[in-house]
Each structure stands twice: as structure tokens, then as C-alpha cells.
Amino acid sequence: MLNHVESYQQGKAYRNVYPDLLSLAANLYPEMFNITSFLLQEGKESDETAVEEPKEWDRFWISRLSPDKLEYILIHWQQNPDLVVKALSCIGAIDTIHIADYVDIVIRHLLPLCFNENFDDNIANAFSAVWESFDGIIPYELWVLTAKEMRDKNITNEGMYTLDNLVEDPLLLFKCDPKIFRCRRLLPIWLHLLSCIRVCSRHRIWKRFVTCFPRTQTSFNIRNVVAMINVQDAIMLQLLLEQCQEQPRDEGHADQLQQAREHICHFIHGIFVDGDRDGVLVKLLHFETYALDLIPIVVELIPSIYIVMNFIPELLRQPQPEKQIFGILIACHLCEKYPLEPYLVAAEKYVLPRLVKIAFPATREGQPTGCVPSEYLIQAIPGFVHLAKAFPHFAPQILRVFDDIFHGLPPPKDFIGQEGNTKIILFLRLHKTLKDARQLVQQQADRMESVNNVIL
């Protein structure tokens, strides 16, 4: 409808009602108003103004491009790739009311081919362009067809993928072919699809709440809705971050893994910036934690992750040791990337003291004990190398804590001949971790006089 209003008589016929109509559509269907899609469409329209009008033969060829003919061309794409590109480019000139007849054919034949890295790049680019065009014309039908074709055919059936099912459970999209997450051509499309379904789901949840729950209802209120939406989003982000971890299939394909990480982290950054202005979602995600080996990747590729420093003290006070270790490591990496004075204060007041408490836990009576070796201590200690790199003048305090831990442990020579014991192995690993980290922190301490310490 909007396409008709905008194009009929160059938009002059509905000029007076267009603003109200656009506002109504944006409120009822926010999932269709994607800024990225608008920018892409605007770019295409500006490019089209610089292109000559189609020749008479081209117009005739377009008029003869029936769905059956298009399917024949796509099936035999290897024989004439240029013809496939031309056919895809011509689809955009077909009347909107007839475009639905072509969508299923294009998705069904070309999307599976995009998994192949050797597939013709010109055809793949043309497919991405026509997919974006379809998204602005018949988005709902396109989303369902795309989700069906991307599904993992070993664990899901086609009947599960309806618009209602996707909107009720956006996480259904994660039951897709695992190759999607390493496919440079399809991952951006999948992420766009996830974004649209997510917005649609949120809108329908709010719509149902407003229409089905009276204002006098107190058992289910706005806080419950917000909490439910944030939990769903946090799970979605955790599943996305899991796809950033290195898998056995990534061996020898480091470039594909890096591209996937960049796409996913850019997507997460967009959610933090546009849809989490109060920081509740980013806080929920980090209180649930994720794999420790993802921390350097997240800090490097998600600029808005600095928000985490706002609740590091609260995260470090959590009773679960896993969350304390997670908080220590992400704080140290954030300090290295953003060596700011407030972060130094947080490290001095909260991060380093938490390491001391992990190494020397208090008894039930509150009395201090000797150093207690643990896997948590082994995980936390290397993070302080990054903290020392950020603030070399803070390195001597880190070294003093390391020395306290070292003196609280039995020397390695006491374990000669007992190397098979599990507890002894933990002691020896802790000694090695502590020794290696101390050497690196000492290097930062040695250079502290040559570092500009204005902010310190």
C-alpha cells in the first residue's frame, strides 16, 4: 500500500494523507521500518536515476519473463550466468502485484547455492539485491520462505515455519543449517531476518498485553512484560555469541570465522545502542555470563560493551565464583581497551580485592585462611596482565598480591614424586600460571616511568 501511495502520480495524489498513513503503518508494523533497508532502497533509487531507461528489447524481455522461464534460467545457471544476473535484475521492474509468483522460485533455487564458496559472485550479489527488494514488497512471505530454506533439515520440518510460529518463538530461527553462521553471503540475510522477527515479536507481545490485560490487572504488569522480552533477547544474544566460538569446522578457515564474528558483534552492538538505552539487556546478558574465551572478542568488536563497567562492582559481589571470575576478566580487558581514570579506580577498589578474596577465602566465622588453590584462581590471574598493560603504575600493587599468593602456597619442590595426584596437578598449574603472569606484569612495572601518567 505504501509503495502504491509513494509511486502513484509520483506521490502527489496522496500527499496530504501520506504523513498520517506513514505514522499509522510505523506504529502497527514497526518490523517493516528498518533503517538499513531504507538506506539500501534509497541507494538503489539514486543509482537507478543515473542509469539509462531500458531499451525497447529489454522491456520486451522483461514482459516475457514468466515464472516458468525464470525457473528454467535458474536451474541452468551454469550455462549462462550473465543471463541469470540479467533475469534477477529484471525482477525489480515487474509489477508489485505479480512479484509474489517469483519469490519462491528465487529463494528455492539460489539460496542453497550461496553456501558454496565457489558459486558465482555476480549471481550471489544479484540474489542479495533482489532479496532486499523483496523485503520491501512482501516481507512476511519472504521471511517465511527464507526461514524454511535455511532450516536444518535434519532436525526440523517445513511445517514448523509459519509467520505466527516465528513471531511467537524467534529462537526457532536458530534451528537453521549450521553453515549459515560461516557463510559470508547468507549470514547478513539471516541476521536481518532475526532482527525483523525480533521486532515483530516484541510489538505483538506489547499489543497483546495492552488489548488483553486491563489496567486494573496487577498480577501481570508492565514490569513482567519488560522482563519477559529482555530474557528472550538475552537468550538470543547468548546463542549468537556461542556462534562466535571457534569450532572444529573452523580449522583452516580463520577468515570465515573472523567475518562471522564481525557480523554478529555488529548486530549485537546495534541492539545495545538502539534497543537497550537503559542498559538492562546488557546487564542481564553479562550477569548470565558467557564463555570466557569470548571476552577478548566481545571487547574488541562491540564498542558499546564499555557499559559493563558501570555494574562491575555489583557483578563482582555475586556469590557464584564463576560470575566473579567473569567480572574480573571482562573488567581487565575493558581497562586495557579504555585506560580511563574511573576504570583504574574501579580496578583498585573492586577488581584486585576480589582476586585476594578468591585466593584467601574467609571461613564461616569470617576468619582469613591461607591461600586456597582453585581453578577459578588459575582463570583469573592472567587477566591482570591486561590490567597492568593499561595502568603500568598499578603494576606494583598487582605484584604484591601475586607475591602474597605465592608465599601462601607450598613450593613446587614439595610435590616431587606426587605429580599424578589431582590436587598436586592443580598446585603445579597455579604455580606456573602465577609465575608466567608475574613476569609479564613485572615488564609493565619496569616501564612505568616511561609512561605518561597524567591520568594516573
Protein backbone atom coordinates (compact mmCIF):
# COMPACT_ATOMS: atom_id res chain seq x y z
CA MET A 1 0.00 0.00 0.00
CA LEU A 2 2.79 2.41 0.88
CA ASN A 3 4.61 1.55 -2.33
CA HIS A 4 1.49 2.46 -4.29
CA VAL A 5 0.96 5.71 -2.37
CA GLU A 6 4.59 6.73 -2.91
CA SER A 7 4.68 5.88 -6.62
CA TYR A 8 1.18 6.77 -7.91
CA GLN A 9 1.42 10.09 -9.76
CA GLN A 10 4.88 10.45 -8.19
CA GLY A 11 3.29 10.65 -4.74
CA LYS A 12 1.28 13.80 -5.45
CA ALA A 13 -2.13 12.11 -5.30
CA TYR A 14 -1.82 11.14 -1.61
CA ARG A 15 0.47 13.93 -0.46
CA ASN A 16 -1.94 15.27 2.16
CA VAL A 17 -2.62 11.94 3.89
CA TYR A 18 0.81 10.39 3.42
CA PRO A 19 2.35 11.58 6.75
CA ASP A 20 -0.58 10.21 8.79
CA LEU A 21 -0.62 6.97 6.79
CA LEU A 22 3.12 6.51 7.29
CA SER A 23 2.82 7.14 11.03
CA LEU A 24 -0.03 4.64 11.31
CA ALA A 25 1.93 1.98 9.41
CA ALA A 26 5.04 2.54 11.55
CA ASN A 27 3.03 2.08 14.74
CA LEU A 28 1.19 -1.01 13.54
CA TYR A 29 4.09 -2.70 11.72
CA PRO A 30 7.40 -1.45 13.20
CA GLU A 31 9.22 -4.54 11.91
CA MET A 32 8.87 -3.21 8.35
CA PHE A 33 10.57 0.08 9.14
CA ASN A 34 14.18 -0.98 9.20
CA ILE A 35 16.71 1.84 8.84
CA THR A 36 19.18 -0.37 6.98
CA SER A 37 16.54 -1.36 4.45
CA PHE A 38 15.57 2.26 3.92
CA LEU A 39 19.18 3.28 3.28
CA LEU A 40 19.68 0.40 0.84
CA GLN A 41 16.50 1.30 -1.01
CA GLU A 42 17.48 4.95 -1.18
CA GLY A 43 20.87 3.99 -2.58
CA LYS A 44 19.26 1.81 -5.24
CA GLU A 45 16.87 4.56 -6.25
CA SER A 46 19.73 7.07 -6.56
CA ASP A 47 21.66 4.58 -8.69
CA GLU A 48 18.65 3.94 -10.88
CA THR A 49 18.32 7.64 -11.68
CA ALA A 50 21.80 7.54 -13.19
CA VAL A 51 21.01 4.53 -15.39
CA GLU A 52 19.51 4.88 -18.82
CA GLU A 53 15.96 3.80 -19.43
CA PRO A 54 15.63 0.16 -20.52
CA LYS A 55 15.83 -0.32 -24.23
CA GLU A 56 12.81 -1.50 -26.17
CA TRP A 57 14.23 -5.04 -26.38
CA ASP A 58 14.84 -5.09 -22.61
CA ARG A 59 11.27 -4.03 -21.90
CA PHE A 60 10.03 -6.77 -24.19
CA TRP A 61 12.31 -9.32 -22.49
CA ILE A 62 11.04 -8.29 -19.06
CA SER A 63 7.45 -8.66 -20.15
CA ARG A 64 8.18 -12.20 -21.34
CA LEU A 65 9.94 -13.25 -18.10
CA SER A 66 7.32 -15.63 -16.76
CA PRO A 67 7.86 -17.62 -13.53
CA ASP A 68 8.41 -20.79 -15.58
CA LYS A 69 11.01 -19.10 -17.74
CA LEU A 70 12.78 -17.69 -14.67
CA GLU A 71 12.87 -21.14 -13.09
CA TYR A 72 14.39 -22.63 -16.24
CA ILE A 73 17.08 -19.94 -16.28
CA LEU A 74 17.96 -20.51 -12.62
CA ILE A 75 18.10 -24.29 -12.99
CA HIS A 76 20.61 -23.91 -15.83
CA TRP A 77 22.59 -21.09 -14.20
CA GLN A 78 25.95 -22.67 -15.03
CA GLN A 79 25.28 -22.49 -18.77
CA ASN A 80 24.73 -18.74 -18.81
CA PRO A 81 25.49 -16.90 -15.54
CA ASP A 82 25.09 -13.49 -17.18
CA LEU A 83 21.54 -14.37 -18.16
CA VAL A 84 20.77 -15.23 -14.53
CA VAL A 85 22.08 -11.86 -13.35
CA LYS A 86 20.02 -10.09 -16.00
CA ALA A 87 16.89 -12.03 -15.08
CA LEU A 88 17.31 -11.18 -11.39
CA SER A 89 17.84 -7.51 -12.17
CA CYS A 90 14.67 -7.51 -14.27
CA ILE A 91 12.53 -8.86 -11.44
CA GLY A 92 12.65 -5.44 -9.83
CA ALA A 93 10.84 -3.99 -12.85
CA ILE A 94 7.94 -6.45 -12.60
CA ASP A 95 4.64 -5.14 -11.24
CA THR A 96 4.34 -5.46 -7.46
CA ILE A 97 1.11 -7.43 -7.67
CA HIS A 98 2.88 -10.17 -9.65
CA ILE A 99 6.15 -10.27 -7.68
CA ALA A 100 4.95 -13.00 -5.28
CA ASP A 101 4.99 -15.55 -8.11
CA TYR A 102 8.75 -15.13 -8.44
CA VAL A 103 9.87 -15.05 -4.81
CA ASP A 104 9.55 -18.76 -4.06
CA ILE A 105 11.42 -19.67 -7.25
CA VAL A 106 14.34 -17.37 -6.49
CA ILE A 107 14.66 -18.47 -2.83
CA ARG A 108 14.28 -22.16 -3.56
CA HIS A 109 16.88 -22.29 -6.33
CA LEU A 110 19.52 -19.73 -5.37
CA LEU A 111 19.69 -19.67 -1.58
CA PRO A 112 21.13 -23.21 -1.26
CA LEU A 113 23.73 -22.39 -3.91
CA CYS A 114 25.04 -19.48 -1.83
CA PHE A 115 26.50 -21.95 0.69
CA ASN A 116 29.07 -22.90 -1.94
CA GLU A 117 32.08 -20.57 -1.81
CA ASN A 118 32.75 -21.32 -5.47
CA PHE A 119 29.29 -20.11 -6.50
CA ASP A 120 29.38 -17.24 -8.98
CA ASP A 121 29.83 -13.97 -7.03
CA ASN A 122 27.86 -11.93 -9.55
CA ILE A 123 24.83 -14.20 -9.18
CA ALA A 124 25.19 -14.24 -5.38
CA ASN A 125 25.32 -10.43 -5.27
CA ALA A 126 22.32 -10.21 -7.58
CA PHE A 127 20.46 -12.63 -5.32
CA SER A 128 21.21 -10.49 -2.23
CA ALA A 129 20.00 -7.39 -4.07
CA VAL A 130 16.75 -8.98 -5.21
CA TRP A 131 16.18 -10.40 -1.70
CA GLU A 132 16.42 -6.87 -0.32
CA SER A 133 13.92 -5.72 -2.96
CA PHE A 134 11.51 -8.48 -1.99
CA ASP A 135 11.89 -7.44 1.65
CA GLY A 136 10.42 -4.06 0.84
CA ILE A 137 7.47 -5.51 -1.09
CA ILE A 138 6.27 -8.75 0.53
CA PRO A 139 8.32 -9.06 3.73
CA TYR A 140 6.20 -11.58 5.62
CA GLU A 141 6.08 -14.11 2.80
CA LEU A 142 9.79 -13.60 2.17
CA TRP A 143 10.73 -14.19 5.82
CA VAL A 144 8.82 -17.46 6.00
CA LEU A 145 10.21 -18.76 2.69
CA THR A 146 13.75 -17.81 3.69
CA ALA A 147 13.45 -19.41 7.14
CA LYS A 148 12.14 -22.61 5.59
CA GLU A 149 15.01 -22.81 3.12
CA MET A 150 17.62 -22.02 5.78
CA ARG A 151 16.35 -24.56 8.30
CA ASP A 152 18.41 -27.52 9.43
CA LYS A 153 16.57 -30.22 7.54
CA ASN A 154 17.90 -32.90 9.89
CA ILE A 155 16.06 -31.60 12.97
CA THR A 156 13.12 -29.50 11.77
CA ASN A 157 10.32 -29.89 9.29
CA GLU A 158 8.97 -27.29 6.93
CA GLY A 159 5.58 -27.10 8.66
CA MET A 160 7.11 -25.54 11.77
CA TYR A 161 7.97 -22.37 9.88
CA THR A 162 4.92 -20.15 9.75
CA LEU A 163 4.89 -16.45 10.50
CA ASP A 164 2.92 -16.97 13.69
CA ASN A 165 5.35 -19.62 14.95
CA LEU A 166 8.37 -17.44 14.17
CA VAL A 167 6.86 -14.42 15.90
CA GLU A 168 5.86 -16.44 18.97
CA ASP A 169 9.32 -18.01 19.18
CA PRO A 170 12.06 -16.04 17.34
CA LEU A 171 14.62 -18.54 18.67
CA LEU A 172 13.18 -21.01 16.16
CA LEU A 173 15.43 -19.30 13.62
CA PHE A 174 18.46 -20.76 15.39
CA LYS A 175 17.38 -24.22 14.24
CA CYS A 176 18.95 -23.42 10.91
CA ASP A 177 21.70 -25.04 8.91
CA PRO A 178 24.92 -24.51 10.97
CA LYS A 179 26.74 -23.48 7.80
CA ILE A 180 24.73 -20.25 7.87
CA PHE A 181 26.97 -18.89 10.62
CA ARG A 182 30.09 -19.18 8.47
CA CYS A 183 28.55 -18.15 5.16
CA ARG A 184 29.56 -14.61 4.20
CA ARG A 185 26.66 -14.34 1.76
CA LEU A 186 23.82 -15.66 3.90
CA LEU A 187 24.74 -14.62 7.45
CA PRO A 188 23.84 -10.92 6.85
CA ILE A 189 20.47 -12.01 5.44
CA TRP A 190 19.86 -14.33 8.41
CA LEU A 191 20.74 -11.57 10.89
CA HIS A 192 18.40 -9.15 9.13
CA LEU A 193 15.67 -11.77 9.29
CA LEU A 194 16.32 -12.30 13.01
CA SER A 195 16.16 -8.55 13.61
CA CYS A 196 12.82 -8.19 11.85
CA ILE A 197 11.26 -11.19 13.60
CA ARG A 198 12.55 -9.91 16.95
CA VAL A 199 10.93 -6.50 16.46
CA CYS A 200 7.70 -8.12 15.29
CA SER A 201 7.66 -10.41 18.33
CA ARG A 202 8.23 -7.55 20.77
CA HIS A 203 5.47 -5.49 19.15
CA ARG A 204 2.95 -8.33 19.31
CA ILE A 205 3.77 -9.01 22.94
CA TRP A 206 3.06 -5.40 23.83
CA LYS A 207 -0.05 -5.35 21.64
CA ARG A 208 -1.43 -8.44 23.35
CA PHE A 209 -0.65 -7.02 26.78
CA VAL A 210 -2.45 -3.74 26.03
CA THR A 211 -5.50 -5.38 24.49
CA CYS A 212 -5.90 -8.41 26.76
CA PHE A 213 -4.90 -7.15 30.21
CA PRO A 214 -6.99 -4.39 31.79
CA ARG A 215 -5.22 -1.59 33.59
CA THR A 216 -6.64 -2.77 36.89
CA GLN A 217 -4.89 -6.10 36.44
CA THR A 218 -1.99 -6.27 38.91
CA SER A 219 -0.88 -9.89 38.59
CA PHE A 220 0.75 -9.22 35.22
CA ASN A 221 2.05 -5.70 34.68
CA ILE A 222 4.46 -3.72 32.54
CA ARG A 223 7.47 -4.92 34.54
CA ASN A 224 6.57 -8.52 33.74
CA VAL A 225 6.38 -7.72 30.03
CA VAL A 226 9.73 -5.92 30.04
CA ALA A 227 11.35 -8.79 31.96
CA MET A 228 9.93 -11.38 29.57
CA ILE A 229 11.16 -9.51 26.50
CA ASN A 230 14.62 -8.92 27.99
CA VAL A 231 15.02 -12.59 28.93
CA GLN A 232 14.11 -13.61 25.39
CA ASP A 233 16.62 -11.12 23.97
CA ALA A 234 19.34 -12.22 26.40
CA ILE A 235 18.94 -15.85 25.34
CA MET A 236 19.08 -14.77 21.71
CA LEU A 237 22.33 -12.85 22.30
CA GLN A 238 23.88 -15.78 24.18
CA LEU A 239 23.07 -18.09 21.26
CA LEU A 240 24.64 -15.60 18.88
CA LEU A 241 27.79 -15.34 20.99
CA GLU A 242 28.07 -19.12 21.03
CA GLN A 243 28.38 -18.96 17.24
CA CYS A 244 31.47 -16.76 17.69
CA GLN A 245 33.37 -19.57 19.38
CA GLU A 246 35.84 -21.50 17.32
CA GLN A 247 34.50 -24.84 16.17
CA PRO A 248 36.33 -27.89 14.74
CA ARG A 249 34.93 -26.96 11.32
CA ASP A 250 36.76 -23.60 11.52
CA GLU A 251 40.19 -25.20 11.25
CA GLY A 252 41.86 -23.71 8.21
CA HIS A 253 39.06 -21.13 7.76
CA ALA A 254 40.12 -18.35 10.11
CA ASP A 255 38.92 -15.66 7.71
CA GLN A 256 35.37 -17.04 7.68
CA LEU A 257 35.33 -17.20 11.49
CA GLN A 258 36.53 -13.60 11.75
CA GLN A 259 33.91 -12.38 9.27
CA ALA A 260 31.18 -14.19 11.20
CA ARG A 261 32.35 -12.65 14.47
CA GLU A 262 32.34 -9.17 12.96
CA HIS A 263 28.82 -9.57 11.55
CA ILE A 264 27.41 -10.97 14.80
CA CYS A 265 29.13 -8.44 17.06
CA HIS A 266 27.98 -5.58 14.83
CA PHE A 267 24.43 -6.91 15.16
CA ILE A 268 24.71 -7.12 18.96
CA HIS A 269 26.17 -3.61 19.12
CA GLY A 270 23.15 -2.33 17.18
CA ILE A 271 20.77 -3.92 19.69
CA PHE A 272 22.65 -2.39 22.64
CA VAL A 273 22.63 1.07 21.05
CA ASP A 274 19.10 1.16 19.59
CA GLY A 275 17.06 -1.13 21.81
CA ASP A 276 18.72 -1.06 25.23
CA ARG A 277 19.05 2.58 26.18
CA ASP A 278 18.70 1.88 29.90
CA GLY A 279 21.33 -0.89 29.80
CA VAL A 280 19.06 -3.57 31.26
CA LEU A 281 19.68 -6.08 28.47
CA VAL A 282 23.46 -5.75 28.50
CA LYS A 283 23.39 -6.15 32.29
CA LEU A 284 21.19 -9.24 32.11
CA LEU A 285 23.42 -10.80 29.45
CA HIS A 286 26.57 -10.31 31.49
CA PHE A 287 25.06 -11.46 34.74
CA GLU A 288 24.17 -14.68 32.95
CA THR A 289 27.77 -14.67 31.58
CA TYR A 290 29.13 -16.43 28.51
CA ALA A 291 32.30 -18.33 27.58
CA LEU A 292 35.46 -16.71 28.97
CA ASP A 293 37.31 -17.08 25.68
CA LEU A 294 34.74 -14.78 24.05
CA ILE A 295 35.58 -11.84 26.34
CA PRO A 296 38.52 -10.50 24.25
CA ILE A 297 36.43 -10.84 21.07
CA VAL A 298 33.42 -9.05 22.55
CA VAL A 299 35.53 -6.22 23.99
CA GLU A 300 37.30 -5.76 20.67
CA LEU A 301 34.31 -5.90 18.32
CA ILE A 302 31.41 -4.40 20.33
CA PRO A 303 32.14 -0.71 21.05
CA SER A 304 29.12 -0.29 23.34
CA ILE A 305 30.38 -3.02 25.68
CA TYR A 306 32.03 -0.35 27.85
CA ILE A 307 28.63 -0.07 29.58
CA VAL A 308 29.57 -3.21 31.52
CA MET A 309 31.99 -1.21 33.68
CA ASN A 310 29.00 0.57 35.23
CA PHE A 311 27.95 -2.58 37.07
CA ILE A 312 31.28 -4.36 37.59
CA PRO A 313 31.12 -3.82 41.40
CA GLU A 314 27.72 -5.49 41.53
CA LEU A 315 28.85 -8.34 39.29
CA LEU A 316 31.90 -8.99 41.49
CA ARG A 317 29.68 -9.22 44.56
CA GLN A 318 27.68 -12.13 43.14
CA PRO A 319 28.01 -15.28 45.27
CA GLN A 320 28.83 -17.56 42.32
CA PRO A 321 32.62 -17.80 41.77
CA GLU A 322 32.05 -18.20 38.02
CA LYS A 323 30.45 -14.77 37.82
CA GLN A 324 33.23 -13.22 39.90
CA ILE A 325 35.86 -14.61 37.53
CA PHE A 326 33.87 -13.42 34.54
CA GLY A 327 33.62 -9.94 36.07
CA ILE A 328 37.37 -9.80 36.80
CA LEU A 329 38.36 -10.81 33.28
CA ILE A 330 35.98 -8.52 31.40
CA ALA A 331 36.93 -5.60 33.65
CA CYS A 332 40.64 -6.19 32.96
CA HIS A 333 40.08 -6.35 29.20
CA LEU A 334 37.92 -3.22 29.25
CA CYS A 335 40.62 -1.38 31.20
CA GLU A 336 43.18 -2.35 28.58
CA LYS A 337 40.98 -1.03 25.76
CA TYR A 338 39.80 2.06 27.63
CA PRO A 339 42.56 3.10 30.13
CA LEU A 340 40.48 5.76 31.85
CA GLU A 341 40.84 7.08 35.38
CA PRO A 342 37.40 5.88 36.59
CA TYR A 343 38.29 2.39 35.38
CA LEU A 344 41.55 2.49 37.35
CA VAL A 345 39.58 3.44 40.46
CA ALA A 346 37.21 0.51 39.88
CA ALA A 347 40.16 -1.86 39.41
CA GLU A 348 41.79 -0.66 42.62
CA LYS A 349 38.61 -0.73 44.74
CA TYR A 350 36.86 -3.81 43.39
CA VAL A 351 38.79 -5.96 40.90
CA LEU A 352 42.10 -6.57 42.68
CA PRO A 353 40.47 -7.01 46.13
CA ARG A 354 38.17 -9.63 44.62
CA LEU A 355 41.22 -11.64 43.50
CA VAL A 356 42.50 -11.52 47.07
CA LYS A 357 39.19 -12.84 48.39
CA ILE A 358 39.19 -15.68 45.86
CA ALA A 359 42.75 -16.63 46.80
CA PHE A 360 42.22 -16.25 50.57
CA PRO A 361 38.57 -17.10 51.23
CA ALA A 362 37.25 -16.42 54.71
CA THR A 363 36.00 -19.20 56.95
CA ARG A 364 32.39 -19.41 58.12
CA GLU A 365 33.43 -17.48 61.23
CA GLY A 366 34.81 -14.74 58.98
CA GLN A 367 38.43 -15.52 59.79
CA PRO A 368 41.01 -15.37 56.93
CA THR A 369 42.60 -18.60 55.76
CA GLY A 370 45.72 -19.46 53.85
CA CYS A 371 45.81 -19.44 50.07
CA VAL A 372 43.36 -21.96 48.64
CA PRO A 373 44.34 -23.14 45.12
CA SER A 374 41.42 -23.39 42.73
CA GLU A 375 40.60 -23.48 39.05
CA TYR A 376 38.99 -20.06 39.49
CA LEU A 377 42.29 -18.59 40.64
CA ILE A 378 44.07 -20.04 37.62
CA GLN A 379 41.48 -18.45 35.33
CA ALA A 380 41.57 -15.03 36.99
CA ILE A 381 45.29 -14.38 37.36
CA PRO A 382 46.16 -13.93 33.62
CA GLY A 383 43.58 -11.13 33.36
CA PHE A 384 45.75 -8.86 35.50
CA VAL A 385 48.40 -8.80 32.79
CA HIS A 386 45.91 -6.77 30.71
CA LEU A 387 45.25 -4.53 33.70
CA ALA A 388 48.98 -3.89 34.09
CA LYS A 389 49.26 -3.02 30.38
CA ALA A 390 46.52 -0.45 30.81
CA PHE A 391 47.96 1.06 34.01
CA PRO A 392 51.69 0.30 34.43
CA HIS A 393 51.76 2.42 37.62
CA PHE A 394 49.25 0.00 39.11
CA ALA A 395 51.51 -2.98 38.37
CA PRO A 396 53.39 -2.87 41.74
CA GLN A 397 50.12 -3.39 43.63
CA ILE A 398 49.31 -6.37 41.40
CA LEU A 399 52.77 -7.80 42.04
CA ARG A 400 52.30 -7.52 45.79
CA VAL A 401 49.09 -9.55 45.60
CA PHE A 402 50.82 -12.12 43.38
CA ASP A 403 53.62 -12.40 45.94
CA ASP A 404 51.12 -12.89 48.76
CA ILE A 405 49.51 -15.73 46.81
CA PHE A 406 52.91 -17.24 46.02
CA HIS A 407 54.03 -17.19 49.65
CA GLY A 408 50.76 -18.76 50.70
CA LEU A 409 51.44 -21.84 48.53
CA PRO A 410 53.81 -24.72 49.21
CA PRO A 411 56.89 -24.61 46.92
CA PRO A 412 56.82 -26.92 43.84
CA LYS A 413 59.77 -28.96 45.15
CA ASP A 414 57.49 -30.31 47.87
CA PHE A 415 55.49 -32.17 45.23
CA ILE A 416 58.30 -34.11 43.58
CA GLY A 417 57.16 -37.68 43.03
CA GLN A 418 53.46 -36.84 43.54
CA GLU A 419 52.74 -35.47 40.07
CA GLY A 420 49.90 -37.95 39.45
CA ASN A 421 47.75 -36.60 42.26
CA THR A 422 44.91 -34.35 41.03
CA LYS A 423 45.37 -31.84 43.83
CA ILE A 424 49.10 -31.69 43.18
CA ILE A 425 48.45 -31.03 39.48
CA LEU A 426 46.28 -28.07 40.46
CA PHE A 427 49.07 -26.70 42.69
CA LEU A 428 51.64 -27.03 39.92
CA ARG A 429 49.37 -25.39 37.33
CA LEU A 430 48.73 -22.49 39.70
CA HIS A 431 52.47 -22.06 40.29
CA LYS A 432 53.13 -21.93 36.56
CA THR A 433 50.25 -19.53 35.85
CA LEU A 434 51.38 -17.26 38.67
CA LYS A 435 55.00 -17.31 37.52
CA ASP A 436 54.15 -16.51 33.89
CA ALA A 437 51.72 -13.72 34.81
CA ARG A 438 54.19 -12.22 37.29
CA GLN A 439 56.90 -11.95 34.64
CA LEU A 440 54.56 -10.12 32.27
CA VAL A 441 53.27 -7.76 34.96
CA GLN A 442 56.86 -7.07 36.03
CA GLN A 443 57.65 -5.99 32.46
CA GLN A 444 54.87 -3.40 32.69
CA ALA A 445 56.12 -2.25 36.09
CA ASP A 446 59.63 -1.78 34.67
CA ARG A 447 58.36 0.60 32.02
CA MET A 448 56.03 2.65 34.21
CA GLU A 449 58.45 5.56 34.50
CA SER A 450 58.45 5.95 30.70
CA VAL A 451 54.68 6.09 30.50
CA ASN A 452 52.73 9.33 30.58
CA ASN A 453 50.90 9.11 33.88
CA VAL A 454 48.85 12.30 33.68
CA ILE A 455 45.56 10.43 34.10
CA LEU A 456 47.05 8.17 36.78
